[in-house]
Amino acid sequence: MRALLTGLCATFLLLLNTLLLIGPMMLVALFKLVAPGQALRDACSRGVMWIAEYWAENDKRIFALLTPTVWDIRGAAELRKDTSYLVISNHQSWVDIPALVQAFNRKAPYFKFFLKQQLIWVPFLGLAFWALDYPFMKRYSKAYLDKHPEMKGKDLEITRAACEKFKRLPVTVVNYLEGTRFTPAKQARQGSPYRHLLKPKAGGVAFVLAALGEQLDAILDVTLVYPGERVPGFWDLLCGRVPKVIVDIRTLALDPALWRGDYQNDPVFRQYVQDWVSALWREKDARIDRLRAELPG
């Protein structure tokens, strides 16, 4: 009963925080649509991100007040707000989002995700995502693309358009290389060679690097680890059933060779990026083993 009451109170406060701040955020975002001049539109973008950071900081206070979760954040001491980062992370649960909020809010530029198009219909949050200029991606199956070849490359166009907006202000771009949340069933279907990860997709990160490489200060290799055999869901977090989360951040120097090539048309360059991603994923898989040994069962 205590866990249920905790979950209901946390849900109410998170919803109240969202309702109070979604209005001001939308007003600034709508003014941005009609604002004359790029400088004023950029000022509106900064205003929207300031409100989002305030909203996220309130969410952190709610979790601290109601839940016992220990957020063990490692490697965040050198983060800066005046530069841009590319975050590469494993993806296991909706808890990943508050984990990134705990690690990065007000320490780095407010982060941007590439989201599934369906998420624009999530009440309140969909409007917030739109106001924050989050790019919405529509993923097509291979069978669909075989029937509709004219749709090939659409996600690349969206990525390029989004990255053009990102160039004007410092930004933290989050890329989940697995493309979806990890589950043992998905792991089995893929025949993934990793113990704790799905196969990574190098194309998305290659396109972001091609568009933003000169602007980025570093790549942040983030590894998220949860206790127990079952990955906790967001409701588990709200109910106080997640004792500890490790957010391990490794700062990687940028290799210009990763973006000075044509990923789509140059097979040698494409293989170079894929090899780099595979090596990163092997290291992350081993790191998860080490980090899991530190957590309660």
C-alpha atoms as a PDB file:
ATOM      1  CA  MET A   1       0.000   0.000   0.000  1.00  0.00           C
ATOM      2  CA  ARG A   2       2.867   2.396   0.797  1.00  0.00           C
ATOM      3  CA  ALA A   3       4.389   1.860  -2.663  1.00  0.00           C
ATOM      4  CA  LEU A   4       1.010   2.516  -4.317  1.00  0.00           C
ATOM      5  CA  LEU A   5       0.501   5.756  -2.374  1.00  0.00           C
ATOM      6  CA  THR A   6       4.035   6.870  -3.221  1.00  0.00           C
ATOM      7  CA  GLY A   7       3.407   6.182  -6.903  1.00  0.00           C
ATOM      8  CA  LEU A   8       0.105   8.080  -6.903  1.00  0.00           C
ATOM      9  CA  CYS A   9       1.592  11.093  -5.083  1.00  0.00           C
ATOM     10  CA  ALA A  10       4.598  11.195  -7.415  1.00  0.00           C
ATOM     11  CA  THR A  11       2.344  10.921 -10.473  1.00  0.00           C
ATOM     12  CA  PHE A  12       0.131  13.765  -9.216  1.00  0.00           C
ATOM     13  CA  LEU A  13       3.076  16.078  -8.529  1.00  0.00           C
ATOM     14  CA  LEU A  14       4.790  15.303 -11.844  1.00  0.00           C
ATOM     15  CA  LEU A  15       1.536  15.950 -13.698  1.00  0.00           C
ATOM     16  CA  LEU A  16       0.955  19.182 -11.761  1.00  0.00           C
ATOM     17  CA  ASN A  17       4.481  20.351 -12.584  1.00  0.00           C
ATOM     18  CA  THR A  18       3.851  19.631 -16.270  1.00  0.00           C
ATOM     19  CA  LEU A  19       0.465  21.384 -16.312  1.00  0.00           C
ATOM     20  CA  LEU A  20       1.868  24.497 -14.638  1.00  0.00           C
ATOM     21  CA  LEU A  21       4.766  24.881 -17.067  1.00  0.00           C
ATOM     22  CA  ILE A  22       3.348  23.607 -20.370  1.00  0.00           C
ATOM     23  CA  GLY A  23       1.341  26.840 -20.801  1.00  0.00           C
ATOM     24  CA  PRO A  24       4.289  29.257 -20.595  1.00  0.00           C
ATOM     25  CA  MET A  25       6.355  26.924 -22.767  1.00  0.00           C
ATOM     26  CA  MET A  26       3.685  26.854 -25.466  1.00  0.00           C
ATOM     27  CA  LEU A  27       3.271  30.652 -25.404  1.00  0.00           C
ATOM     28  CA  VAL A  28       6.991  31.151 -26.004  1.00  0.00           C
ATOM     29  CA  ALA A  29       7.015  28.422 -28.694  1.00  0.00           C
ATOM     30  CA  LEU A  30       4.027  29.950 -30.507  1.00  0.00           C
ATOM     31  CA  PHE A  31       5.603  33.420 -30.390  1.00  0.00           C
ATOM     32  CA  LYS A  32       8.720  31.883 -31.907  1.00  0.00           C
ATOM     33  CA  LEU A  33       6.653  30.865 -34.961  1.00  0.00           C
ATOM     34  CA  VAL A  34       5.782  34.486 -35.761  1.00  0.00           C
ATOM     35  CA  ALA A  35       8.842  36.264 -34.318  1.00  0.00           C
ATOM     36  CA  PRO A  36      10.614  38.495 -36.858  1.00  0.00           C
ATOM     37  CA  GLY A  37      14.325  37.823 -37.190  1.00  0.00           C
ATOM     38  CA  GLN A  38      16.529  34.856 -36.357  1.00  0.00           C
ATOM     39  CA  ALA A  39      17.966  36.495 -33.224  1.00  0.00           C
ATOM     40  CA  LEU A  40      14.514  36.780 -31.644  1.00  0.00           C
ATOM     41  CA  ARG A  41      13.617  33.219 -32.637  1.00  0.00           C
ATOM     42  CA  ASP A  42      16.857  31.976 -31.057  1.00  0.00           C
ATOM     43  CA  ALA A  43      15.991  33.928 -27.895  1.00  0.00           C
ATOM     44  CA  CYS A  44      12.622  32.135 -27.850  1.00  0.00           C
ATOM     45  CA  SER A  45      14.411  28.786 -28.217  1.00  0.00           C
ATOM     46  CA  ARG A  46      16.574  29.648 -25.211  1.00  0.00           C
ATOM     47  CA  GLY A  47      13.425  30.621 -23.295  1.00  0.00           C
ATOM     48  CA  VAL A  48      11.731  27.306 -24.068  1.00  0.00           C
ATOM     49  CA  MET A  49      14.835  25.393 -22.952  1.00  0.00           C
ATOM     50  CA  TRP A  50      15.042  27.455 -19.734  1.00  0.00           C
ATOM     51  CA  ILE A  51      11.447  26.498 -18.898  1.00  0.00           C
ATOM     52  CA  ALA A  52      12.229  22.850 -19.739  1.00  0.00           C
ATOM     53  CA  GLU A  53      15.254  22.905 -17.424  1.00  0.00           C
ATOM     54  CA  TYR A  54      13.133  24.386 -14.628  1.00  0.00           C
ATOM     55  CA  TRP A  55      10.481  21.685 -15.231  1.00  0.00           C
ATOM     56  CA  ALA A  56      13.166  18.967 -15.132  1.00  0.00           C
ATOM     57  CA  GLU A  57      14.700  20.390 -11.946  1.00  0.00           C
ATOM     58  CA  ASN A  58      11.268  20.271 -10.282  1.00  0.00           C
ATOM     59  CA  ASP A  59      10.935  16.640 -11.356  1.00  0.00           C
ATOM     60  CA  LYS A  60      14.281  15.903  -9.695  1.00  0.00           C
ATOM     61  CA  ARG A  61      13.009  17.500  -6.471  1.00  0.00           C
ATOM     62  CA  ILE A  62       9.858  15.361  -6.574  1.00  0.00           C
ATOM     63  CA  PHE A  63      11.876  12.148  -6.956  1.00  0.00           C
ATOM     64  CA  ALA A  64      14.216  13.224  -4.146  1.00  0.00           C
ATOM     65  CA  LEU A  65      11.270  14.008  -1.858  1.00  0.00           C
ATOM     66  CA  LEU A  66       9.225  10.856  -2.438  1.00  0.00           C
ATOM     67  CA  THR A  67      11.505   8.049  -3.591  1.00  0.00           C
ATOM     68  CA  PRO A  68      14.623   6.428  -2.102  1.00  0.00           C
ATOM     69  CA  THR A  69      16.428   5.985  -5.421  1.00  0.00           C
ATOM     70  CA  VAL A  70      20.157   6.683  -5.256  1.00  0.00           C
ATOM     71  CA  TRP A  71      21.385   8.235  -8.515  1.00  0.00           C
ATOM     72  CA  ASP A  72      25.025   7.230  -8.771  1.00  0.00           C
ATOM     73  CA  ILE A  73      26.277   9.610 -11.471  1.00  0.00           C
ATOM     74  CA  ARG A  74      29.877   9.197 -12.568  1.00  0.00           C
ATOM     75  CA  GLY A  75      31.931  11.318 -14.935  1.00  0.00           C
ATOM     76  CA  ALA A  76      29.753  14.455 -14.989  1.00  0.00           C
ATOM     77  CA  ALA A  77      32.180  16.820 -13.236  1.00  0.00           C
ATOM     78  CA  GLU A  78      33.622  18.310 -16.443  1.00  0.00           C
ATOM     79  CA  LEU A  79      30.334  18.959 -18.255  1.00  0.00           C
ATOM     80  CA  ARG A  80      29.751  22.474 -19.622  1.00  0.00           C
ATOM     81  CA  LYS A  81      26.664  24.382 -20.740  1.00  0.00           C
ATOM     82  CA  ASP A  82      28.379  26.503 -23.402  1.00  0.00           C
ATOM     83  CA  THR A  83      29.216  23.713 -25.834  1.00  0.00           C
ATOM     84  CA  SER A  84      27.521  20.846 -27.668  1.00  0.00           C
ATOM     85  CA  TYR A  85      27.678  17.103 -26.997  1.00  0.00           C
ATOM     86  CA  LEU A  86      26.591  13.905 -28.652  1.00  0.00           C
ATOM     87  CA  VAL A  87      25.349  11.409 -26.061  1.00  0.00           C
ATOM     88  CA  ILE A  88      25.454   7.724 -27.002  1.00  0.00           C
ATOM     89  CA  SER A  89      23.583   5.518 -24.541  1.00  0.00           C
ATOM     90  CA  ASN A  90      22.152   2.059 -24.089  1.00  0.00           C
ATOM     91  CA  HIS A  91      18.350   1.975 -23.795  1.00  0.00           C
ATOM     92  CA  GLN A  92      16.465  -0.307 -21.412  1.00  0.00           C
ATOM     93  CA  SER A  93      13.460   1.464 -19.889  1.00  0.00           C
ATOM     94  CA  TRP A  94      11.455   4.682 -19.625  1.00  0.00           C
ATOM     95  CA  VAL A  95      13.527   5.185 -16.452  1.00  0.00           C
ATOM     96  CA  ASP A  96      16.408   6.029 -18.806  1.00  0.00           C
ATOM     97  CA  ILE A  97      14.871   9.496 -19.357  1.00  0.00           C
ATOM     98  CA  PRO A  98      14.792  10.612 -15.695  1.00  0.00           C
ATOM     99  CA  ALA A  99      18.271   9.072 -15.344  1.00  0.00           C
ATOM    100  CA  LEU A 100      19.563  11.392 -18.069  1.00  0.00           C
ATOM    101  CA  VAL A 101      17.725  14.309 -16.442  1.00  0.00           C
ATOM    102  CA  GLN A 102      19.494  13.549 -13.171  1.00  0.00           C
ATOM    103  CA  ALA A 103      22.863  13.408 -14.913  1.00  0.00           C
ATOM    104  CA  PHE A 104      22.669  16.324 -17.341  1.00  0.00           C
ATOM    105  CA  ASN A 105      20.040  18.890 -16.366  1.00  0.00           C
ATOM    106  CA  ARG A 106      21.656  22.303 -15.777  1.00  0.00           C
ATOM    107  CA  LYS A 107      25.108  20.745 -16.221  1.00  0.00           C
ATOM    108  CA  ALA A 108      25.010  20.518 -20.039  1.00  0.00           C
ATOM    109  CA  PRO A 109      22.765  22.075 -22.711  1.00  0.00           C
ATOM    110  CA  TYR A 110      19.207  20.744 -22.566  1.00  0.00           C
ATOM    111  CA  PHE A 111      19.128  17.463 -24.447  1.00  0.00           C
ATOM    112  CA  LYS A 112      17.287  16.685 -27.668  1.00  0.00           C
ATOM    113  CA  PHE A 113      16.074  13.242 -28.722  1.00  0.00           C
ATOM    114  CA  PHE A 114      15.087  11.831 -32.088  1.00  0.00           C
ATOM    115  CA  LEU A 115      11.600  10.537 -31.239  1.00  0.00           C
ATOM    116  CA  LYS A 116       9.152   8.112 -32.784  1.00  0.00           C
ATOM    117  CA  GLN A 117       6.454  10.065 -34.615  1.00  0.00           C
ATOM    118  CA  GLN A 118       3.701   8.480 -32.473  1.00  0.00           C
ATOM    119  CA  LEU A 119       4.999  10.272 -29.352  1.00  0.00           C
ATOM    120  CA  ILE A 120       3.702  13.613 -30.598  1.00  0.00           C
ATOM    121  CA  TRP A 121       0.235  12.379 -29.557  1.00  0.00           C
ATOM    122  CA  VAL A 122       1.194  11.782 -25.907  1.00  0.00           C
ATOM    123  CA  PRO A 123      -0.925  14.251 -23.863  1.00  0.00           C
ATOM    124  CA  PHE A 124       1.034  17.365 -22.810  1.00  0.00           C
ATOM    125  CA  LEU A 125       4.435  15.763 -23.448  1.00  0.00           C
ATOM    126  CA  GLY A 126       3.860  15.686 -27.204  1.00  0.00           C
ATOM    127  CA  LEU A 127       3.295  19.451 -27.177  1.00  0.00           C
ATOM    128  CA  ALA A 128       6.418  19.927 -25.047  1.00  0.00           C
ATOM    129  CA  PHE A 129       8.464  17.826 -27.480  1.00  0.00           C
ATOM    130  CA  TRP A 130       7.198  19.955 -30.373  1.00  0.00           C
ATOM    131  CA  ALA A 131       7.989  23.207 -28.525  1.00  0.00           C
ATOM    132  CA  LEU A 132      11.522  21.964 -27.826  1.00  0.00           C
ATOM    133  CA  ASP A 133      12.142  21.212 -31.530  1.00  0.00           C
ATOM    134  CA  TYR A 134      12.563  17.484 -30.957  1.00  0.00           C
ATOM    135  CA  PRO A 135      12.695  15.797 -34.384  1.00  0.00           C
ATOM    136  CA  PHE A 136       9.980  13.202 -34.940  1.00  0.00           C
ATOM    137  CA  MET A 137      11.070  10.185 -36.975  1.00  0.00           C
ATOM    138  CA  LYS A 138       8.774   7.798 -38.818  1.00  0.00           C
ATOM    139  CA  ARG A 139      10.437   4.398 -39.085  1.00  0.00           C
ATOM    140  CA  TYR A 140       9.600   2.185 -42.051  1.00  0.00           C
ATOM    141  CA  SER A 141       9.999  -1.556 -42.267  1.00  0.00           C
ATOM    142  CA  LYS A 142      12.205  -3.070 -44.965  1.00  0.00           C
ATOM    143  CA  ALA A 143       9.101  -4.583 -46.570  1.00  0.00           C
ATOM    144  CA  TYR A 144       7.419  -1.158 -46.713  1.00  0.00           C
ATOM    145  CA  LEU A 145      10.506   0.455 -48.245  1.00  0.00           C
ATOM    146  CA  ASP A 146      10.713  -2.294 -50.845  1.00  0.00           C
ATOM    147  CA  LYS A 147       7.169  -1.356 -51.912  1.00  0.00           C
ATOM    148  CA  HIS A 148       7.741   2.401 -51.537  1.00  0.00           C
ATOM    149  CA  PRO A 149      11.354   3.102 -52.505  1.00  0.00           C
ATOM    150  CA  GLU A 150      10.593   6.840 -52.706  1.00  0.00           C
ATOM    151  CA  MET A 151      10.451   6.892 -48.878  1.00  0.00           C
ATOM    152  CA  LYS A 152      14.072   5.759 -48.505  1.00  0.00           C
ATOM    153  CA  GLY A 153      16.238   8.452 -46.953  1.00  0.00           C
ATOM    154  CA  LYS A 154      13.354  10.368 -45.345  1.00  0.00           C
ATOM    155  CA  ASP A 155      14.797   9.901 -41.856  1.00  0.00           C
ATOM    156  CA  LEU A 156      18.121  11.226 -43.136  1.00  0.00           C
ATOM    157  CA  GLU A 157      16.375  14.359 -44.412  1.00  0.00           C
ATOM    158  CA  ILE A 158      14.714  14.863 -40.999  1.00  0.00           C
ATOM    159  CA  THR A 159      18.063  14.348 -39.247  1.00  0.00           C
ATOM    160  CA  ARG A 160      19.769  16.917 -41.453  1.00  0.00           C
ATOM    161  CA  ALA A 161      16.963  19.461 -41.007  1.00  0.00           C
ATOM    162  CA  ALA A 162      17.018  19.002 -37.216  1.00  0.00           C
ATOM    163  CA  CYS A 163      20.786  19.339 -37.052  1.00  0.00           C
ATOM    164  CA  GLU A 164      20.613  22.628 -38.975  1.00  0.00           C
ATOM    165  CA  LYS A 165      18.475  24.003 -36.114  1.00  0.00           C
ATOM    166  CA  PHE A 166      20.878  22.559 -33.541  1.00  0.00           C
ATOM    167  CA  LYS A 167      23.802  24.478 -35.071  1.00  0.00           C
ATOM    168  CA  ARG A 168      22.575  27.851 -33.789  1.00  0.00           C
ATOM    169  CA  LEU A 169      22.635  27.053 -30.060  1.00  0.00           C
ATOM    170  CA  PRO A 170      24.564  24.691 -27.768  1.00  0.00           C
ATOM    171  CA  VAL A 171      22.792  21.352 -27.607  1.00  0.00           C
ATOM    172  CA  THR A 172      23.120  17.852 -26.190  1.00  0.00           C
ATOM    173  CA  VAL A 173      21.926  15.378 -28.830  1.00  0.00           C
ATOM    174  CA  VAL A 174      20.961  11.968 -27.436  1.00  0.00           C
ATOM    175  CA  ASN A 175      21.245   8.965 -29.730  1.00  0.00           C
ATOM    176  CA  TYR A 176      20.105   5.480 -28.703  1.00  0.00           C
ATOM    177  CA  LEU A 177      22.086   3.318 -31.090  1.00  0.00           C
ATOM    178  CA  GLU A 178      19.939   0.252 -30.437  1.00  0.00           C
ATOM    179  CA  GLY A 179      16.908   2.092 -31.812  1.00  0.00           C
ATOM    180  CA  THR A 180      14.558   0.534 -29.257  1.00  0.00           C
ATOM    181  CA  ARG A 181      14.478  -0.567 -25.629  1.00  0.00           C
ATOM    182  CA  PHE A 182      16.397  -3.730 -24.769  1.00  0.00           C
ATOM    183  CA  THR A 183      14.442  -6.892 -23.946  1.00  0.00           C
ATOM    184  CA  PRO A 184      15.646 -10.510 -23.887  1.00  0.00           C
ATOM    185  CA  ALA A 185      13.074 -11.333 -26.588  1.00  0.00           C
ATOM    186  CA  LYS A 186      14.446  -8.662 -28.938  1.00  0.00           C
ATOM    187  CA  GLN A 187      17.974  -9.800 -28.122  1.00  0.00           C
ATOM    188  CA  ALA A 188      17.096 -13.374 -29.099  1.00  0.00           C
ATOM    189  CA  ARG A 189      15.344 -12.334 -32.327  1.00  0.00           C
ATOM    190  CA  GLN A 190      18.374 -10.309 -33.384  1.00  0.00           C
ATOM    191  CA  GLY A 191      20.906 -12.949 -32.425  1.00  0.00           C
ATOM    192  CA  SER A 192      22.744 -10.128 -30.662  1.00  0.00           C
ATOM    193  CA  PRO A 193      26.373 -10.998 -29.860  1.00  0.00           C
ATOM    194  CA  TYR A 194      26.190  -8.883 -26.675  1.00  0.00           C
ATOM    195  CA  ARG A 195      25.069 -10.053 -23.231  1.00  0.00           C
ATOM    196  CA  HIS A 196      23.288  -6.836 -22.222  1.00  0.00           C
ATOM    197  CA  LEU A 197      22.748  -4.944 -25.459  1.00  0.00           C
ATOM    198  CA  LEU A 198      20.977  -5.104 -28.787  1.00  0.00           C
ATOM    199  CA  LYS A 199      22.891  -4.665 -32.015  1.00  0.00           C
ATOM    200  CA  PRO A 200      23.774  -0.986 -32.555  1.00  0.00           C
ATOM    201  CA  LYS A 201      22.825   0.971 -35.658  1.00  0.00           C
ATOM    202  CA  ALA A 202      25.626   3.188 -36.907  1.00  0.00           C
ATOM    203  CA  GLY A 203      23.691   5.195 -39.519  1.00  0.00           C
ATOM    204  CA  GLY A 204      21.973   7.632 -37.148  1.00  0.00           C
ATOM    205  CA  VAL A 205      25.128   8.566 -35.280  1.00  0.00           C
ATOM    206  CA  ALA A 206      27.020   8.906 -38.578  1.00  0.00           C
ATOM    207  CA  PHE A 207      24.470  11.411 -39.896  1.00  0.00           C
ATOM    208  CA  VAL A 208      24.515  13.469 -36.661  1.00  0.00           C
ATOM    209  CA  LEU A 209      28.319  13.534 -36.710  1.00  0.00           C
ATOM    210  CA  ALA A 210      28.327  14.569 -40.372  1.00  0.00           C
ATOM    211  CA  ALA A 211      25.982  17.480 -39.621  1.00  0.00           C
ATOM    212  CA  LEU A 212      27.395  18.625 -36.271  1.00  0.00           C
ATOM    213  CA  GLY A 213      30.935  17.262 -36.090  1.00  0.00           C
ATOM    214  CA  GLU A 214      32.696  20.633 -36.120  1.00  0.00           C
ATOM    215  CA  GLN A 215      30.308  22.015 -33.479  1.00  0.00           C
ATOM    216  CA  LEU A 216      30.581  19.127 -31.003  1.00  0.00           C
ATOM    217  CA  ASP A 217      32.995  19.326 -28.095  1.00  0.00           C
ATOM    218  CA  ALA A 218      32.945  15.612 -27.255  1.00  0.00           C
ATOM    219  CA  ILE A 219      31.041  12.351 -27.413  1.00  0.00           C
ATOM    220  CA  LEU A 220      29.572  11.288 -24.071  1.00  0.00           C
ATOM    221  CA  ASP A 221      29.378   7.497 -23.868  1.00  0.00           C
ATOM    222  CA  VAL A 222      26.647   6.869 -21.263  1.00  0.00           C
ATOM    223  CA  THR A 223      26.031   3.461 -19.702  1.00  0.00           C
ATOM    224  CA  LEU A 224      22.854   2.966 -17.638  1.00  0.00           C
ATOM    225  CA  VAL A 225      22.658   0.061 -15.210  1.00  0.00           C
ATOM    226  CA  TYR A 226      19.784  -1.046 -12.957  1.00  0.00           C
ATOM    227  CA  PRO A 227      19.740  -3.547 -10.087  1.00  0.00           C
ATOM    228  CA  GLY A 228      18.146  -6.986 -10.295  1.00  0.00           C
ATOM    229  CA  GLU A 229      17.374  -9.275 -13.192  1.00  0.00           C
ATOM    230  CA  ARG A 230      14.246  -7.378 -14.278  1.00  0.00           C
ATOM    231  CA  VAL A 231      14.710  -3.911 -15.714  1.00  0.00           C
ATOM    232  CA  PRO A 232      12.458  -1.547 -13.713  1.00  0.00           C
ATOM    233  CA  GLY A 233       9.681   0.376 -15.406  1.00  0.00           C
ATOM    234  CA  PHE A 234       8.672   3.983 -14.821  1.00  0.00           C
ATOM    235  CA  TRP A 235       5.920   2.923 -12.400  1.00  0.00           C
ATOM    236  CA  ASP A 236       8.533   1.055 -10.349  1.00  0.00           C
ATOM    237  CA  LEU A 237      10.496   4.292 -10.091  1.00  0.00           C
ATOM    238  CA  LEU A 238       7.422   6.293  -9.060  1.00  0.00           C
ATOM    239  CA  CYS A 239       6.572   3.713  -6.385  1.00  0.00           C
ATOM    240  CA  GLY A 240      10.060   3.824  -4.899  1.00  0.00           C
ATOM    241  CA  ARG A 241      11.015   0.310  -5.961  1.00  0.00           C
ATOM    242  CA  VAL A 242      14.305   1.269  -7.666  1.00  0.00           C
ATOM    243  CA  PRO A 243      17.019   1.388  -4.984  1.00  0.00           C
ATOM    244  CA  LYS A 244      19.880   2.594  -7.164  1.00  0.00           C
ATOM    245  CA  VAL A 245      20.706   3.608 -10.722  1.00  0.00           C
ATOM    246  CA  ILE A 246      24.235   3.957 -12.072  1.00  0.00           C
ATOM    247  CA  VAL A 247      24.771   6.547 -14.799  1.00  0.00           C
ATOM    248  CA  ASP A 248      28.343   6.088 -16.001  1.00  0.00           C
ATOM    249  CA  ILE A 249      29.592   8.857 -18.346  1.00  0.00           C
ATOM    250  CA  ARG A 250      32.756   8.438 -20.390  1.00  0.00           C
ATOM    251  CA  THR A 251      33.977  11.477 -22.309  1.00  0.00           C
ATOM    252  CA  LEU A 252      35.449  10.511 -25.678  1.00  0.00           C
ATOM    253  CA  ALA A 253      37.575  12.822 -27.778  1.00  0.00           C
ATOM    254  CA  LEU A 254      36.159  13.422 -31.230  1.00  0.00           C
ATOM    255  CA  ASP A 255      37.969  11.823 -34.149  1.00  0.00           C
ATOM    256  CA  PRO A 256      37.380  13.995 -37.260  1.00  0.00           C
ATOM    257  CA  ALA A 257      37.692  10.838 -39.368  1.00  0.00           C
ATOM    258  CA  LEU A 258      34.234   9.852 -38.047  1.00  0.00           C
ATOM    259  CA  TRP A 259      32.440  12.600 -39.974  1.00  0.00           C
ATOM    260  CA  ARG A 260      34.701  13.411 -42.896  1.00  0.00           C
ATOM    261  CA  GLY A 261      33.208  10.884 -45.260  1.00  0.00           C
ATOM    262  CA  ASP A 262      30.041   9.862 -47.085  1.00  0.00           C
ATOM    263  CA  TYR A 263      28.301   7.189 -45.014  1.00  0.00           C
ATOM    264  CA  GLN A 264      25.646   6.478 -47.628  1.00  0.00           C
ATOM    265  CA  ASN A 265      27.857   6.141 -50.682  1.00  0.00           C
ATOM    266  CA  ASP A 266      31.355   5.250 -49.470  1.00  0.00           C
ATOM    267  CA  PRO A 267      31.530   1.591 -48.325  1.00  0.00           C
ATOM    268  CA  VAL A 268      35.047   2.002 -46.880  1.00  0.00           C
ATOM    269  CA  PHE A 269      33.975   4.947 -44.706  1.00  0.00           C
ATOM    270  CA  ARG A 270      30.734   3.176 -43.740  1.00  0.00           C
ATOM    271  CA  GLN A 271      32.727   0.146 -42.565  1.00  0.00           C
ATOM    272  CA  TYR A 272      35.058   2.439 -40.573  1.00  0.00           C
ATOM    273  CA  VAL A 273      32.129   3.976 -38.661  1.00  0.00           C
ATOM    274  CA  GLN A 274      30.498   0.581 -38.118  1.00  0.00           C
ATOM    275  CA  ASP A 275      33.751  -0.859 -36.750  1.00  0.00           C
ATOM    276  CA  TRP A 276      34.059   2.100 -34.364  1.00  0.00           C
ATOM    277  CA  VAL A 277      30.491   1.588 -33.134  1.00  0.00           C
ATOM    278  CA  SER A 278      31.033  -2.176 -32.710  1.00  0.00           C
ATOM    279  CA  ALA A 279      34.160  -1.584 -30.620  1.00  0.00           C
ATOM    280  CA  LEU A 280      32.281   0.951 -28.487  1.00  0.00           C
ATOM    281  CA  TRP A 281      29.481  -1.562 -27.929  1.00  0.00           C
ATOM    282  CA  ARG A 282      31.863  -4.369 -26.932  1.00  0.00           C
ATOM    283  CA  GLU A 283      33.422  -2.071 -24.336  1.00  0.00           C
ATOM    284  CA  LYS A 284      29.982  -1.027 -23.073  1.00  0.00           C
ATOM    285  CA  ASP A 285      28.848  -4.641 -22.726  1.00  0.00           C
ATOM    286  CA  ALA A 286      31.905  -5.412 -20.585  1.00  0.00           C
ATOM    287  CA  ARG A 287      31.384  -2.227 -18.557  1.00  0.00           C
ATOM    288  CA  ILE A 288      27.782  -3.237 -17.773  1.00  0.00           C
ATOM    289  CA  ASP A 289      29.093  -6.529 -16.352  1.00  0.00           C
ATOM    290  CA  ARG A 290      31.466  -4.637 -14.064  1.00  0.00           C
ATOM    291  CA  LEU A 291      28.871  -2.080 -12.960  1.00  0.00           C
ATOM    292  CA  ARG A 292      26.161  -4.675 -12.299  1.00  0.00           C
ATOM    293  CA  ALA A 293      28.499  -6.373  -9.831  1.00  0.00           C
ATOM    294  CA  GLU A 294      28.291  -3.218  -7.663  1.00  0.00           C
ATOM    295  CA  LEU A 295      24.476  -3.150  -7.457  1.00  0.00           C
ATOM    296  CA  PRO A 296      22.145  -4.931  -5.018  1.00  0.00           C
ATOM    297  CA  GLY A 297      20.474  -8.024  -6.459  1.00  0.00           C
END
